[in-house]
Amino acid sequence: MPLLIDVRKLSIINQLIQSGAENVTTSLETLAGVEASVEIKSLSFVEPSDITAEMGDGEIYGAHVRLTEPPYGVFMMTFSPETAAEVAALLTNTPTDDGFNQLHESALSEMCNVLTSGFIDGIANTLQTTIDFGTPELERDSAPAIAEGALTHVRRDSMSIVLDSVVDIADSDVAFKLRIFLVPDPGSFVHVIDQLELDRSTAEPTRAETEAVKELDMSADELVEFGG
């Protein structure tokens, strides 16, 4: 069954993702003690079966967690070996020309943990709720292997939100790319989004009044279909 979302809610999805991305920079500043900014290069919706193609060829780094509270599903972060080298050198202040040592690996794992927490907490704060999740484990493997390991329990009718972002470190030449995949449970995600509306004065998502929340009219022209 395809996933149907009111197109008027797409701006809310965009704001949720923006809140998560902005919170990533705050978390990075706390971790590394540097100022950072994030630029969202693109935001798209793809089926889980297409995620491997979105990741590209060759080996990549990836870290994922399963969300145990609404909107449930999986959060995954991926980045290239080149990005890993830049981040490891930045966090440890030691070069990676001769490969990664234990300190570099630990720094990358901590980065994944902090940025994952920052993104998910940013979304949760906007939703005025909490989203529980475990500790992400960093791995380096082929894109298909990482996707298969992360998406084992994802429903076939799910929708994946794919975010391409660039994190720019102030006062340095470091600007690294992160690709983020949020694959929520479809029913739970639609319910969460349907409970929100944009505040006209702030353009921020807020809880809709109870009486204003209505069931989606599945025949309405305002519905957009994801998945198959």
C-alpha atoms as a PDB file:
ATOM      1  CA  MET A   1       0.000   0.000   0.000  1.00  0.00           C
ATOM      2  CA  PRO A   2       1.496   3.361  -0.989  1.00  0.00           C
ATOM      3  CA  LEU A   3       2.165   6.004   1.632  1.00  0.00           C
ATOM      4  CA  LEU A   4      -0.137   9.014   1.306  1.00  0.00           C
ATOM      5  CA  ILE A   5       0.717  12.399   2.808  1.00  0.00           C
ATOM      6  CA  ASP A   6      -1.167  15.668   2.503  1.00  0.00           C
ATOM      7  CA  VAL A   7       1.017  17.909   0.316  1.00  0.00           C
ATOM      8  CA  ARG A   8       0.261  20.757   2.708  1.00  0.00           C
ATOM      9  CA  LYS A   9       2.308  18.825   5.275  1.00  0.00           C
ATOM     10  CA  LEU A  10       5.455  18.656   3.119  1.00  0.00           C
ATOM     11  CA  SER A  11       6.622  22.031   4.425  1.00  0.00           C
ATOM     12  CA  ILE A  12       6.366  20.601   7.949  1.00  0.00           C
ATOM     13  CA  ILE A  13       8.579  17.666   6.953  1.00  0.00           C
ATOM     14  CA  ASN A  14      11.092  20.137   5.551  1.00  0.00           C
ATOM     15  CA  GLN A  15      11.084  22.120   8.801  1.00  0.00           C
ATOM     16  CA  LEU A  16      11.555  18.980  10.888  1.00  0.00           C
ATOM     17  CA  ILE A  17      14.565  17.965   8.833  1.00  0.00           C
ATOM     18  CA  GLN A  18      15.953  21.506   8.996  1.00  0.00           C
ATOM     19  CA  SER A  19      15.624  21.479  12.795  1.00  0.00           C
ATOM     20  CA  GLY A  20      17.490  18.191  12.970  1.00  0.00           C
ATOM     21  CA  ALA A  21      20.256  19.425  10.678  1.00  0.00           C
ATOM     22  CA  GLU A  22      20.716  22.656  12.622  1.00  0.00           C
ATOM     23  CA  ASN A  23      20.970  20.730  15.862  1.00  0.00           C
ATOM     24  CA  VAL A  24      23.768  18.671  14.299  1.00  0.00           C
ATOM     25  CA  THR A  25      25.981  21.759  14.175  1.00  0.00           C
ATOM     26  CA  THR A  26      25.279  22.547  17.823  1.00  0.00           C
ATOM     27  CA  SER A  27      26.279  19.002  18.747  1.00  0.00           C
ATOM     28  CA  LEU A  28      29.441  19.204  16.635  1.00  0.00           C
ATOM     29  CA  GLU A  29      30.413  22.472  18.299  1.00  0.00           C
ATOM     30  CA  THR A  30      30.027  20.771  21.695  1.00  0.00           C
ATOM     31  CA  LEU A  31      32.104  17.774  20.582  1.00  0.00           C
ATOM     32  CA  ALA A  32      34.965  19.560  18.822  1.00  0.00           C
ATOM     33  CA  GLY A  33      34.796  23.050  20.295  1.00  0.00           C
ATOM     34  CA  VAL A  34      34.508  24.640  16.849  1.00  0.00           C
ATOM     35  CA  GLU A  35      31.869  26.770  15.171  1.00  0.00           C
ATOM     36  CA  ALA A  36      30.029  25.030  12.391  1.00  0.00           C
ATOM     37  CA  SER A  37      27.177  25.615   9.977  1.00  0.00           C
ATOM     38  CA  VAL A  38      25.153  23.189   7.903  1.00  0.00           C
ATOM     39  CA  GLU A  39      23.852  23.674   4.385  1.00  0.00           C
ATOM     40  CA  ILE A  40      21.176  21.353   3.062  1.00  0.00           C
ATOM     41  CA  LYS A  41      22.051  20.667  -0.561  1.00  0.00           C
ATOM     42  CA  SER A  42      19.042  18.511  -1.338  1.00  0.00           C
ATOM     43  CA  LEU A  43      16.123  16.739   0.279  1.00  0.00           C
ATOM     44  CA  SER A  44      14.356  13.935  -1.538  1.00  0.00           C
ATOM     45  CA  PHE A  45      12.019  11.002  -0.964  1.00  0.00           C
ATOM     46  CA  VAL A  46      12.907   7.520  -2.195  1.00  0.00           C
ATOM     47  CA  GLU A  47      11.749   3.975  -1.614  1.00  0.00           C
ATOM     48  CA  PRO A  48      13.947   1.859   0.714  1.00  0.00           C
ATOM     49  CA  SER A  49      14.802  -0.416  -2.214  1.00  0.00           C
ATOM     50  CA  ASP A  50      16.457   2.549  -3.924  1.00  0.00           C
ATOM     51  CA  ILE A  51      18.643   3.569  -0.978  1.00  0.00           C
ATOM     52  CA  THR A  52      21.626   1.497  -2.124  1.00  0.00           C
ATOM     53  CA  ALA A  53      21.635   3.329  -5.458  1.00  0.00           C
ATOM     54  CA  GLU A  54      21.470   6.631  -3.569  1.00  0.00           C
ATOM     55  CA  MET A  55      24.581   5.686  -1.586  1.00  0.00           C
ATOM     56  CA  GLY A  56      26.774   5.298  -4.650  1.00  0.00           C
ATOM     57  CA  ASP A  57      29.558   2.857  -5.441  1.00  0.00           C
ATOM     58  CA  GLY A  58      32.541   1.699  -3.438  1.00  0.00           C
ATOM     59  CA  GLU A  59      33.165   1.546   0.282  1.00  0.00           C
ATOM     60  CA  ILE A  60      31.583   4.068   2.609  1.00  0.00           C
ATOM     61  CA  TYR A  61      31.221   4.665   6.325  1.00  0.00           C
ATOM     62  CA  GLY A  62      27.823   4.231   7.885  1.00  0.00           C
ATOM     63  CA  ALA A  63      26.118   4.297  11.263  1.00  0.00           C
ATOM     64  CA  HIS A  64      22.481   3.554  11.978  1.00  0.00           C
ATOM     65  CA  VAL A  65      20.037   3.234  14.852  1.00  0.00           C
ATOM     66  CA  ARG A  66      16.486   1.996  15.199  1.00  0.00           C
ATOM     67  CA  LEU A  67      14.020   4.443  16.706  1.00  0.00           C
ATOM     68  CA  THR A  68      11.957   2.845  19.473  1.00  0.00           C
ATOM     69  CA  GLU A  69       9.437   5.678  19.754  1.00  0.00           C
ATOM     70  CA  PRO A  70       7.314   7.458  17.097  1.00  0.00           C
ATOM     71  CA  PRO A  71       7.946   7.863  14.246  1.00  0.00           C
ATOM     72  CA  TYR A  72       9.890   4.583  14.745  1.00  0.00           C
ATOM     73  CA  GLY A  73      11.893   3.219  11.827  1.00  0.00           C
ATOM     74  CA  VAL A  74      15.604   3.712  11.123  1.00  0.00           C
ATOM     75  CA  PHE A  75      18.007   6.654  11.112  1.00  0.00           C
ATOM     76  CA  MET A  76      21.209   6.211   9.136  1.00  0.00           C
ATOM     77  CA  MET A  77      24.182   8.461   8.441  1.00  0.00           C
ATOM     78  CA  THR A  78      26.748   7.768   5.721  1.00  0.00           C
ATOM     79  CA  PHE A  79      29.906   9.511   4.543  1.00  0.00           C
ATOM     80  CA  SER A  80      32.926   8.855   2.370  1.00  0.00           C
ATOM     81  CA  PRO A  81      36.381   7.667   3.504  1.00  0.00           C
ATOM     82  CA  GLU A  82      37.665  11.127   2.524  1.00  0.00           C
ATOM     83  CA  THR A  83      35.173  12.753   4.892  1.00  0.00           C
ATOM     84  CA  ALA A  84      36.131  10.269   7.597  1.00  0.00           C
ATOM     85  CA  ALA A  85      39.797  11.264   7.248  1.00  0.00           C
ATOM     86  CA  GLU A  86      38.947  14.979   7.467  1.00  0.00           C
ATOM     87  CA  VAL A  87      36.755  14.528  10.536  1.00  0.00           C
ATOM     88  CA  ALA A  88      39.221  12.219  12.305  1.00  0.00           C
ATOM     89  CA  ALA A  89      42.055  14.689  11.763  1.00  0.00           C
ATOM     90  CA  LEU A  90      39.874  17.584  12.941  1.00  0.00           C
ATOM     91  CA  LEU A  91      38.707  15.873  16.122  1.00  0.00           C
ATOM     92  CA  THR A  92      42.097  14.473  17.144  1.00  0.00           C
ATOM     93  CA  ASN A  93      44.329  17.202  15.741  1.00  0.00           C
ATOM     94  CA  THR A  94      46.550  14.473  14.327  1.00  0.00           C
ATOM     95  CA  PRO A  95      47.068  13.567  10.636  1.00  0.00           C
ATOM     96  CA  THR A  96      45.588  10.459   9.030  1.00  0.00           C
ATOM     97  CA  ASP A  97      48.102  10.182   6.189  1.00  0.00           C
ATOM     98  CA  ASP A  98      49.333   6.809   7.456  1.00  0.00           C
ATOM     99  CA  GLY A  99      45.839   5.447   8.066  1.00  0.00           C
ATOM    100  CA  PHE A 100      43.544   5.498  11.071  1.00  0.00           C
ATOM    101  CA  ASN A 101      44.787   4.608  14.515  1.00  0.00           C
ATOM    102  CA  GLN A 102      42.609   3.705  17.501  1.00  0.00           C
ATOM    103  CA  LEU A 103      42.258   7.371  18.472  1.00  0.00           C
ATOM    104  CA  HIS A 104      40.940   8.249  15.016  1.00  0.00           C
ATOM    105  CA  GLU A 105      38.456   5.380  15.061  1.00  0.00           C
ATOM    106  CA  SER A 106      37.216   6.344  18.529  1.00  0.00           C
ATOM    107  CA  ALA A 107      36.783   9.953  17.426  1.00  0.00           C
ATOM    108  CA  LEU A 108      34.736   8.915  14.392  1.00  0.00           C
ATOM    109  CA  SER A 109      32.523   6.672  16.505  1.00  0.00           C
ATOM    110  CA  GLU A 110      31.943   9.511  18.950  1.00  0.00           C
ATOM    111  CA  MET A 111      31.168  11.859  16.079  1.00  0.00           C
ATOM    112  CA  CYS A 112      28.519   9.467  14.751  1.00  0.00           C
ATOM    113  CA  ASN A 113      27.022   9.126  18.211  1.00  0.00           C
ATOM    114  CA  VAL A 114      26.898  12.876  18.836  1.00  0.00           C
ATOM    115  CA  LEU A 115      25.596  13.837  15.399  1.00  0.00           C
ATOM    116  CA  THR A 116      22.972  11.086  15.411  1.00  0.00           C
ATOM    117  CA  SER A 117      21.782  12.241  18.819  1.00  0.00           C
ATOM    118  CA  GLY A 118      21.821  15.847  17.666  1.00  0.00           C
ATOM    119  CA  PHE A 119      19.717  15.186  14.579  1.00  0.00           C
ATOM    120  CA  ILE A 120      17.134  13.007  16.292  1.00  0.00           C
ATOM    121  CA  ASP A 121      16.918  15.298  19.326  1.00  0.00           C
ATOM    122  CA  GLY A 122      16.414  18.266  16.987  1.00  0.00           C
ATOM    123  CA  ILE A 123      13.401  16.558  15.444  1.00  0.00           C
ATOM    124  CA  ALA A 124      12.087  15.476  18.850  1.00  0.00           C
ATOM    125  CA  ASN A 125      12.402  18.999  20.250  1.00  0.00           C
ATOM    126  CA  THR A 126      10.391  20.378  17.352  1.00  0.00           C
ATOM    127  CA  LEU A 127       7.765  17.685  17.928  1.00  0.00           C
ATOM    128  CA  GLN A 128       7.814  18.564  21.650  1.00  0.00           C
ATOM    129  CA  THR A 129       8.417  14.923  22.517  1.00  0.00           C
ATOM    130  CA  THR A 130      11.212  12.389  22.997  1.00  0.00           C
ATOM    131  CA  ILE A 131      12.493   9.780  20.566  1.00  0.00           C
ATOM    132  CA  ASP A 132      14.389   6.916  22.159  1.00  0.00           C
ATOM    133  CA  PHE A 133      17.155   5.106  20.276  1.00  0.00           C
ATOM    134  CA  GLY A 134      20.279   3.063  20.874  1.00  0.00           C
ATOM    135  CA  THR A 135      23.950   3.777  20.248  1.00  0.00           C
ATOM    136  CA  PRO A 136      25.002   3.785  16.586  1.00  0.00           C
ATOM    137  CA  GLU A 137      27.882   1.528  15.625  1.00  0.00           C
ATOM    138  CA  LEU A 138      30.288   2.796  12.994  1.00  0.00           C
ATOM    139  CA  GLU A 139      31.151   0.465  10.124  1.00  0.00           C
ATOM    140  CA  ARG A 140      33.036   0.661   6.850  1.00  0.00           C
ATOM    141  CA  ASP A 141      31.756  -1.550   4.066  1.00  0.00           C
ATOM    142  CA  SER A 142      30.210  -1.527   0.617  1.00  0.00           C
ATOM    143  CA  ALA A 143      27.028   0.490   0.205  1.00  0.00           C
ATOM    144  CA  PRO A 144      24.852  -2.622  -0.383  1.00  0.00           C
ATOM    145  CA  ALA A 145      26.173  -4.309   2.768  1.00  0.00           C
ATOM    146  CA  ILE A 146      25.553  -1.230   4.924  1.00  0.00           C
ATOM    147  CA  ALA A 147      22.066  -0.729   3.477  1.00  0.00           C
ATOM    148  CA  GLU A 148      21.162  -4.394   3.971  1.00  0.00           C
ATOM    149  CA  GLY A 149      22.301  -4.358   7.594  1.00  0.00           C
ATOM    150  CA  ALA A 150      20.455  -1.139   8.397  1.00  0.00           C
ATOM    151  CA  LEU A 151      17.164  -1.830   6.644  1.00  0.00           C
ATOM    152  CA  THR A 152      16.515  -5.451   7.578  1.00  0.00           C
ATOM    153  CA  HIS A 153      13.340  -4.622   9.514  1.00  0.00           C
ATOM    154  CA  VAL A 154      12.078  -1.762   7.340  1.00  0.00           C
ATOM    155  CA  ARG A 155       8.657  -2.238   5.780  1.00  0.00           C
ATOM    156  CA  ARG A 156       8.478  -2.368   2.009  1.00  0.00           C
ATOM    157  CA  ASP A 157       5.894   0.430   1.899  1.00  0.00           C
ATOM    158  CA  SER A 158       8.108   2.788   3.890  1.00  0.00           C
ATOM    159  CA  MET A 159       9.325   6.143   2.614  1.00  0.00           C
ATOM    160  CA  SER A 160      12.934   7.211   2.987  1.00  0.00           C
ATOM    161  CA  ILE A 161      13.811  10.876   3.449  1.00  0.00           C
ATOM    162  CA  VAL A 162      17.277  11.463   2.019  1.00  0.00           C
ATOM    163  CA  LEU A 163      19.191  14.547   3.066  1.00  0.00           C
ATOM    164  CA  ASP A 164      22.446  15.688   1.445  1.00  0.00           C
ATOM    165  CA  SER A 165      24.221  18.230   3.623  1.00  0.00           C
ATOM    166  CA  VAL A 166      27.555  19.994   3.892  1.00  0.00           C
ATOM    167  CA  VAL A 167      28.926  20.842   7.327  1.00  0.00           C
ATOM    168  CA  ASP A 168      31.268  23.817   7.164  1.00  0.00           C
ATOM    169  CA  ILE A 169      33.778  24.338   9.977  1.00  0.00           C
ATOM    170  CA  ALA A 170      34.422  28.030  10.609  1.00  0.00           C
ATOM    171  CA  ASP A 171      38.001  29.357  10.507  1.00  0.00           C
ATOM    172  CA  SER A 172      39.229  26.287   8.616  1.00  0.00           C
ATOM    173  CA  ASP A 173      39.258  24.716   5.173  1.00  0.00           C
ATOM    174  CA  VAL A 174      37.231  21.746   6.403  1.00  0.00           C
ATOM    175  CA  ALA A 175      33.772  21.269   4.891  1.00  0.00           C
ATOM    176  CA  PHE A 176      32.561  17.687   4.881  1.00  0.00           C
ATOM    177  CA  LYS A 177      29.561  15.983   3.319  1.00  0.00           C
ATOM    178  CA  LEU A 178      27.071  13.896   5.254  1.00  0.00           C
ATOM    179  CA  ARG A 179      24.223  11.910   3.779  1.00  0.00           C
ATOM    180  CA  ILE A 180      21.333  11.222   6.136  1.00  0.00           C
ATOM    181  CA  PHE A 181      18.538   8.683   5.671  1.00  0.00           C
ATOM    182  CA  LEU A 182      15.414   8.766   7.822  1.00  0.00           C
ATOM    183  CA  VAL A 183      13.162   5.777   7.165  1.00  0.00           C
ATOM    184  CA  PRO A 184      10.179   6.054   9.532  1.00  0.00           C
ATOM    185  CA  ASP A 185       7.349   3.618  10.024  1.00  0.00           C
ATOM    186  CA  PRO A 186       4.807   4.838   7.437  1.00  0.00           C
ATOM    187  CA  GLY A 187       1.680   4.732   9.596  1.00  0.00           C
ATOM    188  CA  SER A 188       3.349   6.315  12.598  1.00  0.00           C
ATOM    189  CA  PHE A 189       5.003   8.995  10.487  1.00  0.00           C
ATOM    190  CA  VAL A 190       1.749  10.035   8.820  1.00  0.00           C
ATOM    191  CA  HIS A 191       0.101  10.207  12.244  1.00  0.00           C
ATOM    192  CA  VAL A 192       2.900  12.357  13.687  1.00  0.00           C
ATOM    193  CA  ILE A 193       2.858  14.761  10.729  1.00  0.00           C
ATOM    194  CA  ASP A 194      -0.934  14.966  10.772  1.00  0.00           C
ATOM    195  CA  GLN A 195      -0.794  16.245  14.357  1.00  0.00           C
ATOM    196  CA  LEU A 196       1.293  19.267  13.319  1.00  0.00           C
ATOM    197  CA  GLU A 197       0.694  22.564  11.596  1.00  0.00           C
ATOM    198  CA  LEU A 198       2.951  25.498  10.719  1.00  0.00           C
ATOM    199  CA  ASP A 199       2.745  28.554  12.940  1.00  0.00           C
ATOM    200  CA  ARG A 200       2.142  31.438  10.532  1.00  0.00           C
ATOM    201  CA  SER A 201       4.139  33.894  12.609  1.00  0.00           C
ATOM    202  CA  THR A 202       7.232  31.745  13.105  1.00  0.00           C
ATOM    203  CA  ALA A 203       6.964  29.188  10.250  1.00  0.00           C
ATOM    204  CA  GLU A 204       7.771  26.529  12.880  1.00  0.00           C
ATOM    205  CA  PRO A 205       5.797  23.285  13.292  1.00  0.00           C
ATOM    206  CA  THR A 206       3.445  23.299  16.281  1.00  0.00           C
ATOM    207  CA  ARG A 207       0.903  20.905  17.711  1.00  0.00           C
ATOM    208  CA  ALA A 208      -2.433  21.287  15.971  1.00  0.00           C
ATOM    209  CA  GLU A 209      -5.536  21.842  18.055  1.00  0.00           C
ATOM    210  CA  THR A 210      -7.265  18.537  18.736  1.00  0.00           C
ATOM    211  CA  GLU A 211     -10.448  19.548  16.983  1.00  0.00           C
ATOM    212  CA  ALA A 212      -8.433  20.709  13.964  1.00  0.00           C
ATOM    213  CA  VAL A 213      -6.872  17.290  13.395  1.00  0.00           C
ATOM    214  CA  LYS A 214      -8.901  15.327  10.862  1.00  0.00           C
ATOM    215  CA  GLU A 215      -8.424  12.030   9.139  1.00  0.00           C
ATOM    216  CA  LEU A 216      -6.798  12.293   5.742  1.00  0.00           C
ATOM    217  CA  ASP A 217      -9.289  12.201   2.901  1.00  0.00           C
ATOM    218  CA  MET A 218      -7.765   9.473   0.762  1.00  0.00           C
ATOM    219  CA  SER A 219      -9.520  10.806  -2.323  1.00  0.00           C
ATOM    220  CA  ALA A 220      -8.359  14.400  -1.884  1.00  0.00           C
ATOM    221  CA  ASP A 221      -6.289  16.129  -4.542  1.00  0.00           C
ATOM    222  CA  GLU A 222      -3.944  17.363  -1.799  1.00  0.00           C
ATOM    223  CA  LEU A 223      -2.525  13.895  -1.156  1.00  0.00           C
ATOM    224  CA  VAL A 224       0.885  12.948  -2.496  1.00  0.00           C
ATOM    225  CA  GLU A 225       1.849   9.284  -2.912  1.00  0.00           C
ATOM    226  CA  PHE A 226       5.166   7.754  -1.892  1.00  0.00           C
ATOM    227  CA  GLY A 227       6.245   4.186  -2.418  1.00  0.00           C
ATOM    228  CA  GLY A 228       4.383   1.431  -4.160  1.00  0.00           C
END
